Amino acid sequence: MACTTILVGKLASYDGSTIVARNEDSPGGQFEPKRMAVIEPADQPRTYTSVESHLTIELPDDPMRYSSVPDALPGHGIWAAAGFNTANVGMSATETITSNERVLGADPLVVYQPAQGKEGEEGYVPAVPGGIGEEDMVTLVLPYIHSAREGVERLGALLAQYGTYEMNGIAFSDADEIWWLETIGGHHWIAKRVPDDAYVTMPNQLGIDYFDLADAEGEQAEHMASEDLREWMDANHLNLTMLAPHVVDDTLDDIYDELAGVLVDVDDDALDELDNLVDDVREGLLAGDIFNPREAFGSHSDSDHVYNTPRAWYMQRCLNPHDGWDGPEAAYGPEADDIPWSRVPERKVTIEDVKYVLSAHYQGTPFDPYGRRGTEATRGAYRPIGINRNGQLAVLQIRPYVAPELACVQWMAFGSNVFNALVPLYANVEHMPEYLENTTARVTSESFYWANRLIAALADARFHENSAHVERYQEKIGGMAHRLLRETDAAVADLPAEEVPAALAAANDRMAADLKRETEDLLGKVLYTTSLAMKNAFAMSDN
């Protein structure tokens, strides 16, 4: 499924939180309504069958309660998308990613094979279930894990056992760590810990660009992987890293000279540390321990250059604006194949920054479909992040400075992100507000999802006239959100633990009531503004 992800380490975020955020986008020509839900242990299936792949899996008998963002309409699976469990572990699944022919030949995807013929007749071949996929992963993993690392371990074991029918990236978070797992072919996978002082951008491509197999096979401090990854890669000639000693030496010497030239004010101890780091990398490369997964397992197709890489380029342009992103001297352009997977931001990243980049449509560049720069061709050249088929945005924030019962906040937005606002919801609750739970097939402004879809369709038609209404709405909801969190944190700090979920649910309901009022007000404004510009308008009035 088309999505965009950003991950923010605890030292890179504005308040020390770990932040995992992902847009869930419907495929082209489709709009999948979404809703909020809380799954109690009694409602978690013990025998799970996937609609997409017809795979049946027996599940443990000790699930935890968890929040989720499932599809609103029945018939094609749960697609729980993102949430927190009561152990304060978050999961977002999944970001559809790319692969290449070498990987798919070495470990084919596990795709459902329908039955051939009729049972009992000659030549009948029974159906063969497929593997697990985006439809299933949150349901199969989140209720059973107590840390981000456990999430990697459980999902990795399921992939090894059942395989997958698609290439996906999955995020796990707790208060200390964020881990990003990428599936590699049908049964293989790699996972990397997000650096605490960095953010990660993921635009529907296999993204990890540096991996240490020795760490994955040993301490697993920063890397984890399928047990047989090295042997499988060697057998199928998948490591494309240039390992000739003179190439390694020349490349690392160039990197060292560049870094040493930048670090003009550092002392000798720091330069010695840099020397040691370069030596470690040289040793790892020559031993075959260090490689670039994006080169080995990913793609650099023509469609990547219009659909995927421009999104990473723009997100990093927003969070590191002084790096020089334009012109012939730019280190990275919108079609660059080597945009870094992770990067240290110029300043700490806020919730508002996350919302902005996941709503982006290339503002300030010739590629903005609403802009006046460039040409008609450039304004439609690249796939926006904030697109008409955004279904939901879940921002999973784990705050380290409050009691564990209050730590997990699931910020939510529905519909096209250009025109919506994020609302914070405490995750340690037994139900979500009706305004976010009640999405059905019926289009109604009583539903947050449908209200946002209506606003987007109206505001898009007269973007420049409506943009001020939308910006004021987003700012107002954001201010209300931070105020609600601050006041609720203080109000429930001294409550007995058993009373906290009900108090947090009441706070969520208050936020939803304010959100509904302001959303309906925005709907009225954009309806009025766009109605005035209808093509059948006429200047002469009856009065």
Protein backbone atom coordinates (compact mmCIF):
# COMPACT_ATOMS: atom_id res chain seq x y z
CA MET A 1 0.00 0.00 0.00
CA ALA A 2 1.28 3.47 -0.86
CA CYS A 3 2.45 5.14 2.36
CA THR A 4 5.05 7.56 3.72
CA THR A 5 6.86 7.10 7.04
CA ILE A 6 9.02 9.23 9.33
CA LEU A 7 10.72 7.94 12.49
CA VAL A 8 12.23 10.29 15.08
CA GLY A 9 14.71 9.11 17.73
CA LYS A 10 14.34 10.29 21.32
CA LEU A 11 17.32 12.68 21.21
CA ALA A 12 16.10 14.17 17.92
CA SER A 13 12.55 14.88 19.15
CA TYR A 14 11.52 18.08 20.88
CA ASP A 15 10.62 16.45 24.21
CA GLY A 16 12.64 13.23 24.38
CA SER A 17 9.82 11.10 22.97
CA THR A 18 10.23 8.36 20.44
CA ILE A 19 7.97 9.21 17.50
CA VAL A 20 6.76 6.84 14.78
CA ALA A 21 4.48 8.29 12.09
CA ARG A 22 3.04 6.91 8.88
CA ASN A 23 0.49 7.93 6.28
CA GLU A 24 -1.69 5.05 5.15
CA ASP A 25 -2.70 5.77 1.56
CA SER A 26 -5.16 3.87 -0.59
CA PRO A 27 -4.02 2.59 -4.01
CA GLY A 28 -4.74 4.77 -7.01
CA GLY A 29 -8.43 5.07 -7.78
CA GLN A 30 -9.47 3.75 -4.36
CA PHE A 31 -10.49 5.35 -1.07
CA GLU A 32 -10.52 3.05 1.96
CA PRO A 33 -12.47 4.52 4.90
CA LYS A 34 -10.66 4.17 8.25
CA ARG A 35 -11.74 4.30 11.88
CA MET A 36 -10.27 4.04 15.38
CA ALA A 37 -10.71 0.95 17.57
CA VAL A 38 -9.54 -0.55 20.87
CA ILE A 39 -9.24 -4.34 20.91
CA GLU A 40 -9.80 -5.96 24.29
CA PRO A 41 -8.14 -9.34 25.03
CA ALA A 42 -11.52 -11.09 24.86
CA ASP A 43 -12.03 -9.76 21.32
CA GLN A 44 -8.60 -10.75 20.00
CA PRO A 45 -8.91 -13.90 17.85
CA ARG A 46 -7.19 -17.09 19.03
CA THR A 47 -7.38 -18.53 15.54
CA TYR A 48 -6.69 -15.97 12.83
CA THR A 49 -7.39 -16.36 9.12
CA SER A 50 -6.20 -13.82 6.59
CA VAL A 51 -8.70 -12.72 3.96
CA GLU A 52 -6.00 -11.84 1.44
CA SER A 53 -3.85 -14.96 1.69
CA HIS A 54 -6.27 -17.50 3.27
CA LEU A 55 -3.60 -18.35 5.85
CA THR A 56 -4.74 -19.63 9.26
CA ILE A 57 -2.52 -19.09 12.32
CA GLU A 58 -3.07 -20.11 15.93
CA LEU A 59 -2.36 -17.20 18.30
CA PRO A 60 -1.24 -17.14 21.95
CA ASP A 61 -3.86 -17.08 24.68
CA ASP A 62 -2.47 -14.05 26.53
CA PRO A 63 -3.02 -10.97 24.33
CA MET A 64 -2.89 -7.44 25.70
CA ARG A 65 -5.36 -4.68 24.94
CA TYR A 66 -4.26 -2.49 22.04
CA SER A 67 -5.40 0.45 19.94
CA SER A 68 -5.66 0.23 16.17
CA VAL A 69 -6.85 1.96 12.99
CA PRO A 70 -8.67 -0.75 11.04
CA ASP A 71 -10.54 -0.48 7.77
CA ALA A 72 -14.09 0.68 8.41
CA LEU A 73 -15.80 -1.51 5.82
CA PRO A 74 -15.91 -5.29 6.29
CA GLY A 75 -15.06 -7.93 3.76
CA HIS A 76 -11.36 -7.76 3.02
CA GLY A 77 -9.57 -8.03 6.35
CA ILE A 78 -8.66 -5.96 9.39
CA TRP A 79 -5.67 -3.82 8.25
CA ALA A 80 -5.15 -2.58 11.83
CA ALA A 81 -2.40 -0.19 10.68
CA ALA A 82 -0.98 1.32 13.89
CA GLY A 83 -1.41 1.36 17.65
CA PHE A 84 -0.12 0.87 21.16
CA ASN A 85 -0.50 -2.06 23.55
CA THR A 86 -0.71 -1.84 27.34
CA ALA A 87 3.02 -2.55 27.64
CA ASN A 88 3.60 0.86 25.98
CA VAL A 89 4.92 -0.63 22.77
CA GLY A 90 3.92 0.93 19.46
CA MET A 91 3.73 -0.67 16.03
CA SER A 92 3.04 0.78 12.57
CA ALA A 93 2.55 -1.68 9.72
CA THR A 94 3.19 -1.34 6.96
CA GLU A 95 5.11 0.76 4.47
CA THR A 96 5.07 -1.04 1.13
CA ILE A 97 8.63 -1.09 -0.21
CA THR A 98 10.46 -2.08 -3.37
CA SER A 99 12.62 -5.03 -4.39
CA ASN A 100 14.41 -6.36 -7.45
CA GLU A 101 14.43 -9.41 -9.66
CA ARG A 102 17.49 -10.98 -8.02
CA VAL A 103 15.85 -11.01 -4.59
CA LEU A 104 12.49 -12.24 -5.86
CA GLY A 105 14.23 -15.05 -7.72
CA ALA A 106 16.31 -16.04 -4.70
CA ASP A 107 13.39 -16.05 -2.24
CA PRO A 108 10.03 -15.76 -4.05
CA LEU A 109 7.10 -14.07 -2.35
CA VAL A 110 4.59 -16.49 -0.79
CA VAL A 111 1.48 -15.72 -2.82
CA TYR A 112 -1.91 -17.40 -2.38
CA GLN A 113 -2.58 -20.00 -5.06
CA PRO A 114 -6.28 -20.66 -5.72
CA ALA A 115 -7.52 -24.21 -6.19
CA GLN A 116 -7.53 -25.61 -9.68
CA GLY A 117 -10.46 -27.70 -10.82
CA LYS A 118 -13.16 -29.17 -8.61
CA GLU A 119 -12.52 -31.24 -5.51
CA GLY A 120 -13.05 -34.93 -6.19
CA GLU A 121 -12.43 -34.59 -9.93
CA GLU A 122 -9.32 -35.72 -11.76
CA GLY A 123 -6.58 -33.10 -11.89
CA TYR A 124 -7.86 -31.18 -8.88
CA VAL A 125 -5.17 -29.15 -7.12
CA PRO A 126 -6.09 -27.74 -3.69
CA ALA A 127 -5.52 -24.10 -2.80
CA VAL A 128 -2.21 -23.15 -1.20
CA PRO A 129 -2.31 -20.35 1.42
CA GLY A 130 -0.07 -17.35 1.01
CA GLY A 131 2.08 -15.68 3.63
CA ILE A 132 1.34 -12.78 5.97
CA GLY A 133 1.05 -9.17 4.87
CA GLU A 134 -0.06 -5.68 5.77
CA GLU A 135 -3.58 -6.89 6.44
CA ASP A 136 -2.35 -9.13 9.27
CA MET A 137 0.81 -7.90 10.96
CA VAL A 138 -0.49 -5.60 13.73
CA THR A 139 -3.08 -8.19 14.76
CA LEU A 140 -0.49 -10.98 14.81
CA VAL A 141 2.25 -9.11 16.65
CA LEU A 142 1.25 -6.04 18.69
CA PRO A 143 -0.87 -7.76 21.40
CA TYR A 144 2.03 -10.04 22.39
CA ILE A 145 5.20 -7.91 22.61
CA HIS A 146 6.77 -6.03 25.53
CA SER A 147 9.47 -4.03 23.73
CA ALA A 148 10.38 -2.82 20.27
CA ARG A 149 13.04 -5.54 20.03
CA GLU A 150 10.47 -8.19 20.89
CA GLY A 151 8.37 -6.88 18.04
CA VAL A 152 11.24 -7.48 15.61
CA GLU A 153 11.82 -10.95 17.04
CA ARG A 154 8.17 -12.02 16.87
CA LEU A 155 7.55 -10.70 13.39
CA GLY A 156 10.87 -12.13 12.20
CA ALA A 157 9.87 -15.58 13.46
CA LEU A 158 6.47 -15.34 11.73
CA LEU A 159 8.14 -14.31 8.46
CA ALA A 160 10.57 -17.22 8.68
CA GLN A 161 7.69 -19.65 9.32
CA TYR A 162 4.96 -18.38 7.02
CA GLY A 163 6.63 -15.94 4.64
CA THR A 164 5.06 -12.84 3.12
CA TYR A 165 3.38 -12.06 -0.18
CA GLU A 166 4.68 -8.48 -0.37
CA MET A 167 7.70 -6.35 0.49
CA ASN A 168 7.03 -4.24 3.57
CA GLY A 169 8.66 -1.99 6.17
CA ILE A 170 7.41 -2.11 9.77
CA ALA A 171 8.20 0.17 12.72
CA PHE A 172 8.29 -0.80 16.41
CA SER A 173 8.79 1.65 19.27
CA ASP A 174 9.08 1.80 23.03
CA ALA A 175 10.24 4.60 25.31
CA ASP A 176 13.93 3.91 24.55
CA GLU A 177 14.17 2.52 21.04
CA ILE A 178 12.70 2.54 17.55
CA TRP A 179 13.40 -0.41 15.25
CA TRP A 180 12.67 -0.55 11.53
CA LEU A 181 12.20 -3.97 9.87
CA GLU A 182 12.25 -4.52 6.12
CA THR A 183 11.12 -7.76 4.50
CA ILE A 184 13.49 -9.22 1.89
CA GLY A 185 11.78 -11.57 -0.54
CA GLY A 186 9.42 -14.19 0.80
CA HIS A 187 11.06 -15.19 4.11
CA HIS A 188 14.09 -13.00 4.79
CA TRP A 189 14.29 -9.72 6.67
CA ILE A 190 16.61 -7.14 8.17
CA ALA A 191 16.01 -4.67 11.01
CA LYS A 192 17.95 -1.62 12.13
CA ARG A 193 17.71 0.51 15.26
CA VAL A 194 16.95 4.15 14.51
CA PRO A 195 19.79 6.31 15.89
CA ASP A 196 18.59 8.23 18.94
CA ASP A 197 19.78 11.56 17.52
CA ALA A 198 18.36 11.10 14.03
CA TYR A 199 15.19 10.84 11.99
CA VAL A 200 14.43 8.38 9.20
CA THR A 201 12.44 9.01 6.01
CA MET A 202 10.73 6.15 4.16
CA PRO A 203 8.87 6.76 0.86
CA ASN A 204 7.72 3.31 -0.40
CA GLN A 205 11.27 2.15 -1.11
CA LEU A 206 13.56 -0.27 0.62
CA GLY A 207 15.50 2.30 2.59
CA ILE A 208 18.23 0.98 4.89
CA ASP A 209 21.57 1.97 3.34
CA TYR A 210 24.12 0.63 5.87
CA PHE A 211 24.02 -2.73 7.63
CA ASP A 212 26.48 -4.57 9.87
CA LEU A 213 26.03 -8.33 9.55
CA ALA A 214 28.56 -9.02 12.32
CA ASP A 215 26.41 -7.06 14.77
CA ALA A 216 23.23 -8.80 13.56
CA GLU A 217 24.92 -12.18 14.10
CA GLY A 218 26.38 -11.17 17.46
CA GLU A 219 25.40 -8.50 19.98
CA GLN A 220 22.48 -7.13 17.93
CA ALA A 221 23.12 -3.70 19.37
CA GLU A 222 21.93 -1.89 16.23
CA HIS A 223 21.12 -4.62 13.69
CA MET A 224 19.02 -7.81 13.51
CA ALA A 225 18.33 -10.14 10.58
CA SER A 226 17.27 -13.58 9.42
CA GLU A 227 19.61 -16.20 10.85
CA ASP A 228 20.83 -17.34 7.42
CA LEU A 229 21.06 -13.94 5.78
CA ARG A 230 24.82 -14.04 5.10
CA GLU A 231 24.73 -17.53 3.58
CA TRP A 232 21.64 -16.71 1.51
CA MET A 233 23.21 -13.51 0.19
CA ASP A 234 26.44 -15.28 -0.69
CA ALA A 235 24.66 -18.15 -2.42
CA ASN A 236 22.64 -15.73 -4.55
CA HIS A 237 25.36 -13.10 -5.18
CA LEU A 238 23.32 -10.29 -3.63
CA ASN A 239 26.03 -8.18 -2.01
CA LEU A 240 26.89 -5.47 -4.53
CA THR A 241 29.35 -3.59 -2.32
CA MET A 242 32.70 -3.09 -4.02
CA LEU A 243 35.12 -5.02 -1.82
CA ALA A 244 38.39 -4.73 -3.74
CA PRO A 245 40.92 -3.42 -1.17
CA HIS A 246 42.05 -0.46 -3.29
CA VAL A 247 38.43 0.62 -3.89
CA VAL A 248 37.63 0.40 -0.17
CA ASP A 249 40.80 2.33 0.74
CA ASP A 250 40.26 5.05 -1.84
CA THR A 251 36.61 5.52 -0.86
CA LEU A 252 37.25 5.66 2.87
CA ASP A 253 40.27 7.93 2.45
CA ASP A 254 38.08 10.38 0.53
CA ILE A 255 35.43 10.23 3.28
CA TYR A 256 38.06 10.72 5.98
CA ASP A 257 39.61 13.70 4.22
CA GLU A 258 36.20 15.31 3.80
CA LEU A 259 35.27 14.80 7.46
CA ALA A 260 38.64 15.91 8.76
CA GLY A 261 38.38 19.05 6.66
CA VAL A 262 35.00 19.88 8.18
CA LEU A 263 36.02 19.11 11.77
CA VAL A 264 38.58 21.89 11.96
CA ASP A 265 38.06 22.72 15.62
CA VAL A 266 38.11 19.25 17.12
CA ASP A 267 40.93 18.00 19.30
CA ASP A 268 43.38 15.18 18.59
CA ASP A 269 41.35 12.67 20.61
CA ALA A 270 38.34 13.24 18.35
CA LEU A 271 40.48 12.77 15.24
CA ASP A 272 41.89 9.56 16.72
CA GLU A 273 38.33 8.38 17.27
CA LEU A 274 37.55 9.18 13.64
CA ASP A 275 40.63 7.22 12.58
CA ASN A 276 39.44 4.22 14.58
CA LEU A 277 35.93 4.46 13.13
CA VAL A 278 37.23 4.52 9.56
CA ASP A 279 39.48 1.54 10.32
CA ASP A 280 36.52 -0.39 11.74
CA VAL A 281 34.45 0.31 8.65
CA ARG A 282 37.36 -0.69 6.38
CA GLU A 283 37.73 -3.96 8.29
CA GLY A 284 33.99 -4.64 8.14
CA LEU A 285 33.81 -3.97 4.42
CA LEU A 286 36.75 -6.21 3.61
CA ALA A 287 35.29 -8.99 5.79
CA GLY A 288 31.93 -8.72 4.04
CA ASP A 289 30.21 -7.67 7.28
CA ILE A 290 29.14 -4.20 6.12
CA PHE A 291 26.99 -3.71 3.04
CA ASN A 292 24.31 -1.46 1.55
CA PRO A 293 20.91 -3.22 1.66
CA ARG A 294 19.35 -0.62 -0.62
CA GLU A 295 21.77 -1.64 -3.36
CA ALA A 296 21.48 -5.35 -2.61
CA PHE A 297 17.74 -5.71 -2.07
CA GLY A 298 16.07 -2.53 -3.35
CA SER A 299 15.40 -0.78 -6.62
CA HIS A 300 16.37 2.35 -8.56
CA SER A 301 13.68 2.23 -11.20
CA ASP A 302 12.38 5.09 -13.32
CA SER A 303 9.11 4.98 -11.38
CA ASP A 304 11.06 5.34 -8.10
CA HIS A 305 12.35 8.67 -9.37
CA VAL A 306 8.87 10.14 -9.80
CA TYR A 307 6.97 8.26 -7.10
CA ASN A 308 9.34 7.58 -4.22
CA THR A 309 12.65 9.42 -3.96
CA PRO A 310 11.19 12.94 -4.32
CA ARG A 311 9.28 12.40 -1.08
CA ALA A 312 12.45 11.59 0.88
CA TRP A 313 14.15 14.57 -0.76
CA TYR A 314 11.41 16.96 0.35
CA MET A 315 11.12 15.64 3.91
CA GLN A 316 14.85 15.99 4.47
CA ARG A 317 14.81 19.38 2.75
CA CYS A 318 12.33 20.52 5.42
CA LEU A 319 14.24 19.15 8.41
CA ASN A 320 17.76 20.05 7.17
CA PRO A 321 16.97 23.16 5.13
CA HIS A 322 20.51 24.57 5.02
CA ASP A 323 22.11 21.57 3.31
CA GLY A 324 21.57 22.99 -0.16
CA TRP A 325 18.88 21.07 -2.02
CA ASP A 326 18.54 23.06 -5.24
CA GLY A 327 20.63 23.71 -8.31
CA PRO A 328 23.48 21.83 -10.00
CA GLU A 329 25.66 21.90 -6.86
CA ALA A 330 23.03 20.22 -4.65
CA ALA A 331 24.24 17.06 -2.94
CA TYR A 332 20.87 15.40 -3.52
CA GLY A 333 18.14 16.10 -6.04
CA PRO A 334 14.58 14.78 -6.02
CA GLU A 335 15.58 11.82 -8.19
CA ALA A 336 18.78 10.88 -6.32
CA ASP A 337 19.24 7.20 -5.51
CA ASP A 338 21.47 7.79 -2.49
CA ILE A 339 19.41 10.08 -0.24
CA PRO A 340 20.38 8.97 3.30
CA TRP A 341 18.09 6.64 5.24
CA SER A 342 18.73 8.52 8.48
CA ARG A 343 19.97 12.01 9.21
CA VAL A 344 20.57 14.26 12.23
CA PRO A 345 18.13 17.22 11.98
CA GLU A 346 19.24 20.83 12.23
CA ARG A 347 16.99 21.29 15.26
CA LYS A 348 14.77 19.05 17.32
CA VAL A 349 11.71 17.70 15.53
CA THR A 350 8.19 18.52 16.78
CA ILE A 351 4.81 16.89 16.26
CA GLU A 352 4.00 19.84 14.01
CA ASP A 353 7.09 19.14 11.90
CA VAL A 354 5.99 15.53 11.49
CA LYS A 355 2.51 16.62 10.41
CA TYR A 356 3.95 19.18 7.99
CA VAL A 357 6.27 16.79 6.15
CA LEU A 358 3.60 14.08 5.98
CA SER A 359 1.20 16.64 4.48
CA ALA A 360 3.70 18.10 2.04
CA HIS A 361 3.01 18.80 -1.62
CA TYR A 362 6.43 20.29 -2.48
CA GLN A 363 5.64 23.77 -1.19
CA GLY A 364 8.23 26.33 -2.25
CA THR A 365 9.41 24.32 -5.26
CA PRO A 366 8.40 24.11 -8.94
CA PHE A 367 6.81 20.72 -8.16
CA ASP A 368 3.91 21.99 -6.00
CA PRO A 369 0.59 21.08 -7.74
CA TYR A 370 -1.02 24.06 -5.99
CA GLY A 371 1.92 26.37 -6.63
CA ARG A 372 2.59 29.13 -9.13
CA ARG A 373 6.26 28.35 -9.71
CA GLY A 374 7.56 26.21 -12.54
CA THR A 375 5.34 24.98 -15.35
CA GLU A 376 2.27 22.84 -15.71
CA ALA A 377 4.60 19.89 -16.39
CA THR A 378 6.81 20.40 -13.32
CA ARG A 379 3.79 20.92 -11.05
CA GLY A 380 2.64 17.40 -11.83
CA ALA A 381 6.05 15.75 -12.06
CA TYR A 382 6.26 14.05 -8.67
CA ARG A 383 3.89 12.19 -6.37
CA PRO A 384 3.01 14.41 -3.35
CA ILE A 385 3.17 13.14 0.24
CA GLY A 386 -0.09 14.89 1.08
CA ILE A 387 -2.20 13.23 -1.60
CA ASN A 388 -5.92 12.94 -2.24
CA ARG A 389 -5.94 9.28 -1.17
CA ASN A 390 -4.37 9.68 2.28
CA GLY A 391 -6.61 7.52 4.45
CA GLN A 392 -5.18 8.08 7.90
CA LEU A 393 -2.09 9.43 9.62
CA ALA A 394 -1.11 7.84 12.94
CA VAL A 395 1.68 9.51 14.94
CA LEU A 396 2.78 7.25 17.82
CA GLN A 397 4.43 9.31 20.57
CA ILE A 398 5.85 7.76 23.77
CA ARG A 399 6.60 10.50 26.31
CA PRO A 400 9.33 9.80 28.91
CA TYR A 401 8.43 12.56 31.39
CA VAL A 402 5.01 11.35 32.56
CA ALA A 403 3.81 8.22 34.35
CA PRO A 404 3.76 5.11 32.13
CA GLU A 405 -0.05 5.09 32.21
CA LEU A 406 -0.03 8.46 30.40
CA ALA A 407 3.00 8.02 28.18
CA CYS A 408 1.46 6.79 24.92
CA VAL A 409 -0.36 9.34 22.78
CA GLN A 410 -1.73 8.31 19.39
CA TRP A 411 -2.13 11.44 17.30
CA MET A 412 -4.65 10.86 14.49
CA ALA A 413 -5.76 12.52 11.27
CA PHE A 414 -8.11 11.17 8.61
CA GLY A 415 -8.40 12.03 4.93
CA SER A 416 -6.07 14.13 2.80
CA ASN A 417 -3.38 15.55 5.08
CA VAL A 418 -3.16 18.87 3.22
CA PHE A 419 -6.57 19.78 4.64
CA ASN A 420 -6.84 17.97 8.01
CA ALA A 421 -5.51 18.34 11.55
CA LEU A 422 -3.88 16.01 14.06
CA VAL A 423 -5.74 15.20 17.27
CA PRO A 424 -4.04 13.53 20.29
CA LEU A 425 -5.67 10.50 21.88
CA TYR A 426 -4.41 8.80 25.01
CA ALA A 427 -3.91 5.15 24.12
CA ASN A 428 -4.40 3.65 27.59
CA VAL A 429 -8.20 3.55 27.26
CA GLU A 430 -10.95 1.00 26.74
CA HIS A 431 -12.63 2.86 23.89
CA MET A 432 -12.00 5.73 21.49
CA PRO A 433 -14.37 8.66 20.93
CA GLU A 434 -17.38 7.88 18.77
CA TYR A 435 -16.45 10.67 16.36
CA LEU A 436 -13.36 8.64 15.38
CA GLU A 437 -14.81 5.16 15.85
CA ASN A 438 -18.05 5.52 13.94
CA THR A 439 -16.88 5.48 10.30
CA THR A 440 -19.24 3.46 8.08
CA ALA A 441 -20.02 3.41 4.36
CA ARG A 442 -22.48 6.28 4.93
CA VAL A 443 -21.04 9.68 4.13
CA THR A 444 -21.84 11.99 7.05
CA SER A 445 -20.27 14.98 8.76
CA GLU A 446 -20.91 13.16 12.06
CA SER A 447 -17.81 11.08 11.24
CA PHE A 448 -14.32 12.60 11.51
CA TYR A 449 -13.18 10.56 8.50
CA TRP A 450 -16.00 11.65 6.21
CA ALA A 451 -15.95 15.25 7.44
CA ASN A 452 -12.31 15.51 6.43
CA ARG A 453 -12.95 13.90 3.04
CA LEU A 454 -15.70 16.47 2.39
CA ILE A 455 -13.48 19.36 3.48
CA ALA A 456 -10.62 18.21 1.26
CA ALA A 457 -12.76 17.85 -1.86
CA LEU A 458 -14.28 21.31 -1.36
CA ALA A 459 -11.07 23.08 -0.34
CA ASP A 460 -9.00 21.54 -3.14
CA ALA A 461 -11.32 23.03 -5.74
CA ARG A 462 -10.50 26.56 -4.56
CA PHE A 463 -7.17 25.91 -2.82
CA HIS A 464 -5.83 29.45 -2.53
CA GLU A 465 -9.13 30.92 -1.32
CA ASN A 466 -9.54 28.16 1.30
CA SER A 467 -5.96 27.74 2.48
CA ALA A 468 -6.21 30.40 5.18
CA HIS A 469 -9.31 28.71 6.65
CA VAL A 470 -7.47 25.38 6.75
CA GLU A 471 -4.30 26.82 8.30
CA ARG A 472 -6.24 28.57 11.07
CA TYR A 473 -8.12 25.34 11.78
CA GLN A 474 -4.90 23.32 11.97
CA GLU A 475 -3.26 25.84 14.29
CA LYS A 476 -6.30 26.03 16.55
CA ILE A 477 -6.64 22.25 16.85
CA GLY A 478 -2.90 21.99 17.55
CA GLY A 479 -3.05 24.54 20.33
CA MET A 480 -6.08 22.85 21.88
CA ALA A 481 -4.29 19.51 21.64
CA HIS A 482 -1.18 20.55 23.54
CA ARG A 483 -3.29 22.32 26.16
CA LEU A 484 -5.46 19.21 26.67
CA LEU A 485 -2.38 17.01 27.13
CA ARG A 486 -0.81 19.41 29.62
CA GLU A 487 -3.99 19.82 31.68
CA THR A 488 -4.90 16.12 31.60
CA ASP A 489 -1.39 15.02 32.59
CA ALA A 490 -1.64 17.24 35.67
CA ALA A 491 -5.22 16.27 36.51
CA VAL A 492 -4.70 12.50 36.51
CA ALA A 493 -1.14 12.38 37.87
CA ASP A 494 -2.25 11.41 41.39
CA LEU A 495 -5.11 9.07 40.48
CA PRO A 496 -4.92 5.36 41.38
CA ALA A 497 -3.77 3.34 38.39
CA GLU A 498 -7.13 1.60 38.02
CA GLU A 499 -8.90 4.95 37.58
CA VAL A 500 -6.55 6.33 34.95
CA PRO A 501 -8.02 4.69 31.79
CA ALA A 502 -11.49 6.11 32.45
CA ALA A 503 -10.07 9.58 33.12
CA LEU A 504 -8.04 9.44 29.92
CA ALA A 505 -11.06 8.26 27.92
CA ALA A 506 -13.01 11.24 29.28
CA ALA A 507 -10.20 13.56 28.16
CA ASN A 508 -10.26 11.97 24.70
CA ASP A 509 -14.02 12.56 24.52
CA ARG A 510 -13.58 16.23 25.44
CA MET A 511 -10.95 16.62 22.76
CA ALA A 512 -13.21 14.93 20.22
CA ALA A 513 -16.11 17.24 21.09
CA ASP A 514 -13.94 20.32 20.52
CA LEU A 515 -12.54 18.74 17.35
CA LYS A 516 -16.03 18.05 15.98
CA ARG A 517 -17.14 21.64 16.60
CA GLU A 518 -14.09 23.14 14.89
CA THR A 519 -14.20 20.65 12.00
CA GLU A 520 -17.84 21.45 11.30
CA ASP A 521 -16.99 25.15 11.42
CA LEU A 522 -14.23 24.60 8.82
CA LEU A 523 -16.60 22.56 6.66
CA GLY A 524 -19.05 25.44 6.65
CA LYS A 525 -16.37 27.94 5.67
CA VAL A 526 -14.93 25.96 2.77
CA LEU A 527 -18.42 25.07 1.55
CA TYR A 528 -19.32 28.78 1.48
CA THR A 529 -16.06 29.83 -0.20
CA THR A 530 -16.20 27.16 -2.89
CA SER A 531 -19.92 27.68 -3.50
CA LEU A 532 -19.26 31.33 -4.37
CA ALA A 533 -16.92 30.21 -7.16
CA MET A 534 -19.26 27.71 -8.82
CA LYS A 535 -19.27 27.91 -12.61
CA ASN A 536 -23.00 28.57 -12.75
CA ALA A 537 -22.63 31.75 -10.67
CA PHE A 538 -24.01 35.00 -12.10
CA ALA A 539 -23.25 38.55 -11.02
CA MET A 540 -26.81 39.95 -11.23
CA SER A 541 -28.82 39.32 -8.05
CA ASP A 542 -32.58 39.12 -7.55
CA ASN A 543 -32.39 41.81 -4.86
